[in-house]
PDB file of N, CA and C in Angstrom:
ATOM      1  N   MET A   1     278.605 110.978 320.854  1.00  0.00           N
ATOM      2  CA  MET A   1     278.738 112.253 320.167  1.00  0.00           C
ATOM      3  C   MET A   1     279.048 113.318 321.216  1.00  0.00           C
ATOM      4  N   SER A   2     279.997 114.163 320.934  1.00  0.00           N
ATOM      5  CA  SER A   2     280.383 115.196 321.887  1.00  0.00           C
ATOM      6  C   SER A   2     279.310 116.274 321.977  1.00  0.00           C
ATOM      7  N   ASN A   3     279.391 117.070 323.039  1.00  0.00           N
ATOM      8  CA  ASN A   3     278.430 118.168 323.206  1.00  0.00           C
ATOM      9  C   ASN A   3     278.478 119.137 322.038  1.00  0.00           C
ATOM     10  N   LEU A   4     279.673 119.444 321.552  1.00  0.00           N
ATOM     11  CA  LEU A   4     279.801 120.370 320.425  1.00  0.00           C
ATOM     12  C   LEU A   4     279.101 119.815 319.182  1.00  0.00           C
ATOM     13  N   LYS A   5     279.275 118.536 318.910  1.00  0.00           N
ATOM     14  CA  LYS A   5     278.604 117.924 317.761  1.00  0.00           C
ATOM     15  C   LYS A   5     277.092 117.950 317.941  1.00  0.00           C
ATOM     16  N   ASN A   6     276.605 117.722 319.160  1.00  0.00           N
ATOM     17  CA  ASN A   6     275.167 117.787 319.429  1.00  0.00           C
ATOM     18  C   ASN A   6     274.635 119.186 319.170  1.00  0.00           C
ATOM     19  N   ILE A   7     275.362 120.185 319.631  1.00  0.00           N
ATOM     20  CA  ILE A   7     274.954 121.578 319.435  1.00  0.00           C
ATOM     21  C   ILE A   7     274.924 121.915 317.947  1.00  0.00           C
ATOM     22  N   LEU A   8     275.980 121.555 317.236  1.00  0.00           N
ATOM     23  CA  LEU A   8     276.041 121.833 315.796  1.00  0.00           C
ATOM     24  C   LEU A   8     274.953 121.088 315.034  1.00  0.00           C
ATOM     25  N   ASN A   9     274.656 119.856 315.437  1.00  0.00           N
ATOM     26  CA  ASN A   9     273.591 119.091 314.798  1.00  0.00           C
ATOM     27  C   ASN A   9     272.242 119.782 314.985  1.00  0.00           C
ATOM     28  N   GLY A  10     271.957 120.253 316.197  1.00  0.00           N
ATOM     29  CA  GLY A  10     270.704 120.956 316.456  1.00  0.00           C
ATOM     30  C   GLY A  10     270.592 122.241 315.665  1.00  0.00           C
ATOM     31  N   TRP A  11     271.655 123.024 315.631  1.00  0.00           N
ATOM     32  CA  TRP A  11     271.633 124.271 314.875  1.00  0.00           C
ATOM     33  C   TRP A  11     271.477 124.016 313.390  1.00  0.00           C
ATOM     34  N   SER A  12     272.169 123.007 312.886  1.00  0.00           N
ATOM     35  CA  SER A  12     272.047 122.658 311.473  1.00  0.00           C
ATOM     36  C   SER A  12     270.611 122.264 311.132  1.00  0.00           C
ATOM     37  N   ASN A  13     270.010 121.422 311.956  1.00  0.00           N
ATOM     38  CA  ASN A  13     268.630 121.003 311.720  1.00  0.00           C
ATOM     39  C   ASN A  13     267.661 122.172 311.844  1.00  0.00           C
ATOM     40  N   TYR A  14     267.953 123.115 312.728  1.00  0.00           N
ATOM     41  CA  TYR A  14     267.100 124.298 312.882  1.00  0.00           C
ATOM     42  C   TYR A  14     267.226 125.228 311.676  1.00  0.00           C
ATOM     43  N   LEU A  15     268.445 125.499 311.237  1.00  0.00           N
ATOM     44  CA  LEU A  15     268.683 126.471 310.172  1.00  0.00           C
ATOM     45  C   LEU A  15     268.448 125.921 308.770  1.00  0.00           C
ATOM     46  N   ILE A  16     268.849 124.691 308.540  1.00  0.00           N
ATOM     47  CA  ILE A  16     268.790 124.118 307.200  1.00  0.00           C
ATOM     48  C   ILE A  16     267.567 123.226 307.017  1.00  0.00           C
ATOM     49  N   GLY A  17     267.143 122.602 308.067  1.00  0.00           N
ATOM     50  CA  GLY A  17     266.032 121.661 307.984  1.00  0.00           C
ATOM     51  C   GLY A  17     266.508 120.258 308.294  1.00  0.00           C
ATOM     52  N   SER A  18     265.565 119.387 308.518  1.00  0.00           N
ATOM     53  CA  SER A  18     265.898 118.007 308.861  1.00  0.00           C
ATOM     54  C   SER A  18     264.848 117.074 308.281  1.00  0.00           C
ATOM     55  N   ASP A  19     265.073 115.786 308.454  1.00  0.00           N
ATOM     56  CA  ASP A  19     264.145 114.807 307.903  1.00  0.00           C
ATOM     57  C   ASP A  19     262.855 114.726 308.728  1.00  0.00           C
ATOM     58  N   GLN A  20     261.885 114.040 308.224  1.00  0.00           N
ATOM     59  CA  GLN A  20     260.567 113.949 308.852  1.00  0.00           C
ATOM     60  C   GLN A  20     260.647 113.342 310.252  1.00  0.00           C
ATOM     61  N   THR A  21     261.477 112.310 310.428  1.00  0.00           N
ATOM     62  CA  THR A  21     261.614 111.672 311.737  1.00  0.00           C
ATOM     63  C   THR A  21     262.140 112.660 312.763  1.00  0.00           C
ATOM     64  N   THR A  22     263.154 113.421 312.398  1.00  0.00           N
ATOM     65  CA  THR A  22     263.714 114.420 313.307  1.00  0.00           C
ATOM     66  C   THR A  22     262.676 115.494 313.622  1.00  0.00           C
ATOM     67  N   ASN A  23     261.912 115.929 312.632  1.00  0.00           N
ATOM     68  CA  ASN A  23     260.865 116.929 312.864  1.00  0.00           C
ATOM     69  C   ASN A  23     259.795 116.423 313.828  1.00  0.00           C
ATOM     70  N   GLU A  24     259.386 115.180 313.666  1.00  0.00           N
ATOM     71  CA  GLU A  24     258.380 114.605 314.565  1.00  0.00           C
ATOM     72  C   GLU A  24     258.910 114.510 315.990  1.00  0.00           C
ATOM     73  N   GLU A  25     260.157 114.095 316.135  1.00  0.00           N
ATOM     74  CA  GLU A  25     260.770 114.003 317.467  1.00  0.00           C
ATOM     75  C   GLU A  25     260.927 115.397 318.072  1.00  0.00           C
ATOM     76  N   ALA A  26     261.291 116.383 317.261  1.00  0.00           N
ATOM     77  CA  ALA A  26     261.432 117.759 317.751  1.00  0.00           C
ATOM     78  C   ALA A  26     260.087 118.274 318.275  1.00  0.00           C
ATOM     79  N   LYS A  27     259.011 117.987 317.582  1.00  0.00           N
ATOM     80  CA  LYS A  27     257.687 118.420 318.023  1.00  0.00           C
ATOM     81  C   LYS A  27     257.276 117.728 319.316  1.00  0.00           C
ATOM     82  N   ARG A  28     257.614 116.448 319.446  1.00  0.00           N
ATOM     83  CA  ARG A  28     257.311 115.716 320.686  1.00  0.00           C
ATOM     84  C   ARG A  28     258.085 116.333 321.860  1.00  0.00           C
ATOM     85  N   ARG A  29     259.366 116.588 321.648  1.00  0.00           N
ATOM     86  CA  ARG A  29     260.191 117.198 322.685  1.00  0.00           C
ATOM     87  C   ARG A  29     259.691 118.595 323.035  1.00  0.00           C
ATOM     88  N   ALA A  30     259.318 119.366 322.017  1.00  0.00           N
ATOM     89  CA  ALA A  30     258.847 120.734 322.233  1.00  0.00           C
ATOM     90  C   ALA A  30     257.584 120.755 323.083  1.00  0.00           C
ATOM     91  N   SER A  31     256.697 119.791 322.895  1.00  0.00           N
ATOM     92  CA  SER A  31     255.474 119.767 323.705  1.00  0.00           C
ATOM     93  C   SER A  31     255.812 119.521 325.168  1.00  0.00           C
ATOM     94  N   ILE A  32     256.855 118.767 325.439  1.00  0.00           N
ATOM     95  CA  ILE A  32     257.307 118.538 326.820  1.00  0.00           C
ATOM     96  C   ILE A  32     257.960 119.806 327.363  1.00  0.00           C
ATOM     97  N   CYS A  33     258.840 120.406 326.575  1.00  0.00           N
ATOM     98  CA  CYS A  33     259.554 121.610 327.012  1.00  0.00           C
ATOM     99  C   CYS A  33     258.608 122.785 327.266  1.00  0.00           C
ATOM    100  N   SER A  34     257.584 122.898 326.454  1.00  0.00           N
ATOM    101  CA  SER A  34     256.673 124.044 326.597  1.00  0.00           C
ATOM    102  C   SER A  34     255.938 124.031 327.932  1.00  0.00           C
ATOM    103  N   GLU A  35     255.841 122.871 328.565  1.00  0.00           N
ATOM    104  CA  GLU A  35     255.174 122.730 329.865  1.00  0.00           C
ATOM    105  C   GLU A  35     256.162 122.720 331.034  1.00  0.00           C
ATOM    106  N   CYS A  36     257.435 122.709 330.735  1.00  0.00           N
ATOM    107  CA  CYS A  36     258.469 122.568 331.769  1.00  0.00           C
ATOM    108  C   CYS A  36     258.719 123.902 332.481  1.00  0.00           C
ATOM    109  N   PRO A  37     258.821 123.882 333.820  1.00  0.00           N
ATOM    110  CA  PRO A  37     259.092 125.115 334.552  1.00  0.00           C
ATOM    111  C   PRO A  37     260.499 125.676 334.314  1.00  0.00           C
ATOM    112  N   ILE A  38     261.385 124.881 333.760  1.00  0.00           N
ATOM    113  CA  ILE A  38     262.745 125.347 333.473  1.00  0.00           C
ATOM    114  C   ILE A  38     262.775 126.176 332.184  1.00  0.00           C
ATOM    115  N   ALA A  39     261.869 125.869 331.260  1.00  0.00           N
ATOM    116  CA  ALA A  39     261.803 126.611 329.995  1.00  0.00           C
ATOM    117  C   ALA A  39     261.401 128.053 330.277  1.00  0.00           C
ATOM    118  N   THR A  40     262.166 128.978 329.742  1.00  0.00           N
ATOM    119  CA  THR A  40     261.998 130.394 330.046  1.00  0.00           C
ATOM    120  C   THR A  40     261.953 131.203 328.750  1.00  0.00           C
ATOM    121  N   ASP A  41     261.082 132.208 328.737  1.00  0.00           N
ATOM    122  CA  ASP A  41     261.058 133.113 327.590  1.00  0.00           C
ATOM    123  C   ASP A  41     262.350 133.901 327.545  1.00  0.00           C
ATOM    124  N   GLY A  42     262.876 134.050 326.361  1.00  0.00           N
ATOM    125  CA  GLY A  42     264.117 134.791 326.203  1.00  0.00           C
ATOM    126  C   GLY A  42     263.993 135.844 325.126  1.00  0.00           C
ATOM    127  N   ILE A  43     265.116 136.380 324.760  1.00  0.00           N
ATOM    128  CA  ILE A  43     265.155 137.423 323.741  1.00  0.00           C
ATOM    129  C   ILE A  43     265.348 136.827 322.347  1.00  0.00           C
ATOM    130  N   HIS A  44     265.308 135.533 322.249  1.00  0.00           N
ATOM    131  CA  HIS A  44     265.612 134.851 321.000  1.00  0.00           C
ATOM    132  C   HIS A  44     264.525 134.980 319.940  1.00  0.00           C
ATOM    133  N   THR A  45     263.307 135.356 320.295  1.00  0.00           N
ATOM    134  CA  THR A  45     262.202 135.355 319.342  1.00  0.00           C
ATOM    135  C   THR A  45     262.483 136.219 318.117  1.00  0.00           C
ATOM    136  N   ALA A  46     262.969 137.402 318.315  1.00  0.00           N
ATOM    137  CA  ALA A  46     263.225 138.301 317.189  1.00  0.00           C
ATOM    138  C   ALA A  46     264.376 137.804 316.321  1.00  0.00           C
ATOM    139  N   ILE A  47     265.358 137.178 316.942  1.00  0.00           N
ATOM    140  CA  ILE A  47     266.543 136.726 316.220  1.00  0.00           C
ATOM    141  C   ILE A  47     266.338 135.329 315.639  1.00  0.00           C
ATOM    142  N   LEU A  48     265.664 134.462 316.398  1.00  0.00           N
ATOM    143  CA  LEU A  48     265.508 133.067 316.016  1.00  0.00           C
ATOM    144  C   LEU A  48     264.040 132.650 315.976  1.00  0.00           C
ATOM    145  N   PRO A  49     263.278 133.154 315.027  1.00  0.00           N
ATOM    146  CA  PRO A  49     261.873 132.731 314.971  1.00  0.00           C
ATOM    147  C   PRO A  49     261.781 131.252 314.636  1.00  0.00           C
ATOM    148  N   ASP A  50     260.825 130.592 315.224  1.00  0.00           N
ATOM    149  CA  ASP A  50     260.610 129.183 314.941  1.00  0.00           C
ATOM    150  C   ASP A  50     259.253 129.053 314.267  1.00  0.00           C
ATOM    151  N   PHE A  51     259.255 128.933 312.966  1.00  0.00           N
ATOM    152  CA  PHE A  51     258.013 128.939 312.209  1.00  0.00           C
ATOM    153  C   PHE A  51     257.274 127.603 312.273  1.00  0.00           C
ATOM    154  N   SER A  52     257.973 126.533 312.585  1.00  0.00           N
ATOM    155  CA  SER A  52     257.313 125.232 312.598  1.00  0.00           C
ATOM    156  C   SER A  52     256.923 124.746 313.986  1.00  0.00           C
ATOM    157  N   ILE A  53     257.559 125.264 315.032  1.00  0.00           N
ATOM    158  CA  ILE A  53     257.207 124.863 316.401  1.00  0.00           C
ATOM    159  C   ILE A  53     257.030 126.138 317.229  1.00  0.00           C
ATOM    160  N   LYS A  54     255.880 126.736 317.117  1.00  0.00           N
ATOM    161  CA  LYS A  54     255.606 128.033 317.754  1.00  0.00           C
ATOM    162  C   LYS A  54     255.615 127.970 319.284  1.00  0.00           C
ATOM    163  N   GLU A  55     255.257 126.831 319.860  1.00  0.00           N
ATOM    164  CA  GLU A  55     255.111 126.745 321.310  1.00  0.00           C
ATOM    165  C   GLU A  55     256.409 126.971 322.091  1.00  0.00           C
ATOM    166  N   ILE A  56     257.560 126.819 321.434  1.00  0.00           N
ATOM    167  CA  ILE A  56     258.838 127.060 322.122  1.00  0.00           C
ATOM    168  C   ILE A  56     259.604 128.232 321.522  1.00  0.00           C
ATOM    169  N   GLN A  57     258.993 128.952 320.623  1.00  0.00           N
ATOM    170  CA  GLN A  57     259.661 130.061 319.954  1.00  0.00           C
ATOM    171  C   GLN A  57     260.207 131.062 320.963  1.00  0.00           C
ATOM    172  N   GLY A  58     261.490 131.344 320.876  1.00  0.00           N
ATOM    173  CA  GLY A  58     262.135 132.321 321.741  1.00  0.00           C
ATOM    174  C   GLY A  58     262.473 131.819 323.129  1.00  0.00           C
ATOM    175  N   MET A  59     262.166 130.573 323.434  1.00  0.00           N
ATOM    176  CA  MET A  59     262.418 130.041 324.778  1.00  0.00           C
ATOM    177  C   MET A  59     263.788 129.376 324.855  1.00  0.00           C
ATOM    178  N   TYR A  60     264.295 129.281 326.073  1.00  0.00           N
ATOM    179  CA  TYR A  60     265.541 128.565 326.307  1.00  0.00           C
ATOM    180  C   TYR A  60     265.419 127.754 327.587  1.00  0.00           C
ATOM    181  N   CYS A  61     266.320 126.816 327.758  1.00  0.00           N
ATOM    182  CA  CYS A  61     266.358 125.950 328.936  1.00  0.00           C
ATOM    183  C   CYS A  61     267.227 126.660 329.975  1.00  0.00           C
ATOM    184  N   SER A  62     266.589 127.274 330.951  1.00  0.00           N
ATOM    185  CA  SER A  62     267.271 128.167 331.890  1.00  0.00           C
ATOM    186  C   SER A  62     268.328 127.455 332.739  1.00  0.00           C
ATOM    187  N   SER A  63     269.565 127.885 332.607  1.00  0.00           N
ATOM    188  CA  SER A  63     270.643 127.322 333.430  1.00  0.00           C
ATOM    189  C   SER A  63     270.494 127.752 334.885  1.00  0.00           C
ATOM    190  N   GLU A  64     269.851 128.892 335.128  1.00  0.00           N
ATOM    191  CA  GLU A  64     269.612 129.341 336.503  1.00  0.00           C
ATOM    192  C   GLU A  64     268.640 128.418 337.243  1.00  0.00           C
ATOM    193  N   LYS A  65     267.844 127.671 336.477  1.00  0.00           N
ATOM    194  CA  LYS A  65     266.855 126.759 337.069  1.00  0.00           C
ATOM    195  C   LYS A  65     267.292 125.301 336.932  1.00  0.00           C
ATOM    196  N   GLY A  66     268.546 125.084 336.598  1.00  0.00           N
ATOM    197  CA  GLY A  66     269.070 123.729 336.489  1.00  0.00           C
ATOM    198  C   GLY A  66     269.078 123.143 335.097  1.00  0.00           C
ATOM    199  N   GLY A  67     268.801 123.971 334.094  1.00  0.00           N
ATOM    200  CA  GLY A  67     268.789 123.502 332.709  1.00  0.00           C
ATOM    201  C   GLY A  67     270.146 123.657 332.055  1.00  0.00           C
ATOM    202  N   CYS A  68     270.170 123.423 330.755  1.00  0.00           N
ATOM    203  CA  CYS A  68     271.433 123.457 330.017  1.00  0.00           C
ATOM    204  C   CYS A  68     271.780 124.839 329.461  1.00  0.00           C
ATOM    205  N   GLY A  69     270.813 125.752 329.409  1.00  0.00           N
ATOM    206  CA  GLY A  69     271.053 127.088 328.890  1.00  0.00           C
ATOM    207  C   GLY A  69     270.869 127.221 327.389  1.00  0.00           C
ATOM    208  N   CYS A  70     270.481 126.152 326.727  1.00  0.00           N
ATOM    209  CA  CYS A  70     270.335 126.159 325.267  1.00  0.00           C
ATOM    210  C   CYS A  70     269.023 126.790 324.815  1.00  0.00           C
ATOM    211  N   PRO A  71     269.035 127.490 323.675  1.00  0.00           N
ATOM    212  CA  PRO A  71     267.774 127.883 323.055  1.00  0.00           C
ATOM    213  C   PRO A  71     267.039 126.602 322.662  1.00  0.00           C
ATOM    214  N   LEU A  72     265.751 126.547 322.906  1.00  0.00           N
ATOM    215  CA  LEU A  72     265.018 125.302 322.699  1.00  0.00           C
ATOM    216  C   LEU A  72     264.821 124.930 321.234  1.00  0.00           C
ATOM    217  N   SER A  73     264.686 125.891 320.347  1.00  0.00           N
ATOM    218  CA  SER A  73     264.443 125.557 318.942  1.00  0.00           C
ATOM    219  C   SER A  73     265.537 124.647 318.361  1.00  0.00           C
ATOM    220  N   PRO A  74     266.813 124.955 318.533  1.00  0.00           N
ATOM    221  CA  PRO A  74     267.826 124.014 318.049  1.00  0.00           C
ATOM    222  C   PRO A  74     268.003 122.806 318.972  1.00  0.00           C
ATOM    223  N   ALA A  75     267.817 122.975 320.268  1.00  0.00           N
ATOM    224  CA  ALA A  75     268.035 121.864 321.203  1.00  0.00           C
ATOM    225  C   ALA A  75     267.106 120.691 320.927  1.00  0.00           C
ATOM    226  N   VAL A  76     265.826 120.958 320.688  1.00  0.00           N
ATOM    227  CA  VAL A  76     264.886 119.857 320.451  1.00  0.00           C
ATOM    228  C   VAL A  76     265.134 119.170 319.111  1.00  0.00           C
ATOM    229  N   ARG A  77     265.867 119.810 318.217  1.00  0.00           N
ATOM    230  CA  ARG A  77     266.153 119.248 316.893  1.00  0.00           C
ATOM    231  C   ARG A  77     267.462 118.475 316.823  1.00  0.00           C
ATOM    232  N   SER A  78     268.240 118.480 317.885  1.00  0.00           N
ATOM    233  CA  SER A  78     269.493 117.742 317.902  1.00  0.00           C
ATOM    234  C   SER A  78     269.200 116.272 318.176  1.00  0.00           C
ATOM    235  N   LYS A  79     269.649 115.417 317.280  1.00  0.00           N
ATOM    236  CA  LYS A  79     269.325 113.991 317.388  1.00  0.00           C
ATOM    237  C   LYS A  79     269.809 113.361 318.689  1.00  0.00           C
ATOM    238  N   ASN A  80     270.951 113.796 319.207  1.00  0.00           N
ATOM    239  CA  ASN A  80     271.530 113.144 320.384  1.00  0.00           C
ATOM    240  C   ASN A  80     271.567 114.014 321.637  1.00  0.00           C
ATOM    241  N   HIS A  81     270.949 115.178 321.587  1.00  0.00           N
ATOM    242  CA  HIS A  81     270.888 116.029 322.776  1.00  0.00           C
ATOM    243  C   HIS A  81     269.870 115.440 323.742  1.00  0.00           C
ATOM    244  N   ASN A  82     270.169 115.471 325.017  1.00  0.00           N
ATOM    245  CA  ASN A  82     269.250 114.963 326.025  1.00  0.00           C
ATOM    246  C   ASN A  82     268.799 116.082 326.943  1.00  0.00           C
ATOM    247  N   CYS A  83     267.578 115.999 327.383  1.00  0.00           N
ATOM    248  CA  CYS A  83     267.045 116.951 328.348  1.00  0.00           C
ATOM    249  C   CYS A  83     267.853 116.830 329.642  1.00  0.00           C
ATOM    250  N   PRO A  84     268.278 117.947 330.238  1.00  0.00           N
ATOM    251  CA  PRO A  84     269.054 117.872 331.470  1.00  0.00           C
ATOM    252  C   PRO A  84     268.241 117.313 332.646  1.00  0.00           C
ATOM    253  N   LYS A  85     266.932 117.272 332.512  1.00  0.00           N
ATOM    254  CA  LYS A  85     266.062 116.707 333.558  1.00  0.00           C
ATOM    255  C   LYS A  85     265.524 115.334 333.151  1.00  0.00           C
ATOM    256  N   ASN A  86     266.098 114.765 332.098  1.00  0.00           N
ATOM    257  CA  ASN A  86     265.739 113.431 331.598  1.00  0.00           C
ATOM    258  C   ASN A  86     264.262 113.279 331.252  1.00  0.00           C
ATOM    259  N   LYS A  87     263.657 114.345 330.720  1.00  0.00           N
ATOM    260  CA  LYS A  87     262.257 114.270 330.298  1.00  0.00           C
ATOM    261  C   LYS A  87     262.142 113.735 328.878  1.00  0.00           C
ATOM    262  N   TRP A  88     263.225 113.793 328.116  1.00  0.00           N
ATOM    263  CA  TRP A  88     263.279 113.182 326.783  1.00  0.00           C
ATOM    264  C   TRP A  88     264.716 112.835 326.445  1.00  0.00           C
TER     265      TRP A  88
END
């Protein structure tokens, strides 16, 4: 799956919702991301609230610290997106 398809899949799952398996995997990934030094608070909280996974709300994977630059709420919900540090 191309990067664009991965991004669109994550955004779709974030905005529209996803199945139970995807939600469980997103929560597992979010618990890893919330402890990661690359995860950074951003300005996304007001624009992109995450009502189901509060621990990563408004955070992104900082490209300045070697991450992908993605907002975490859609990134953890993309079925084929991989952590740039291979943590999930």
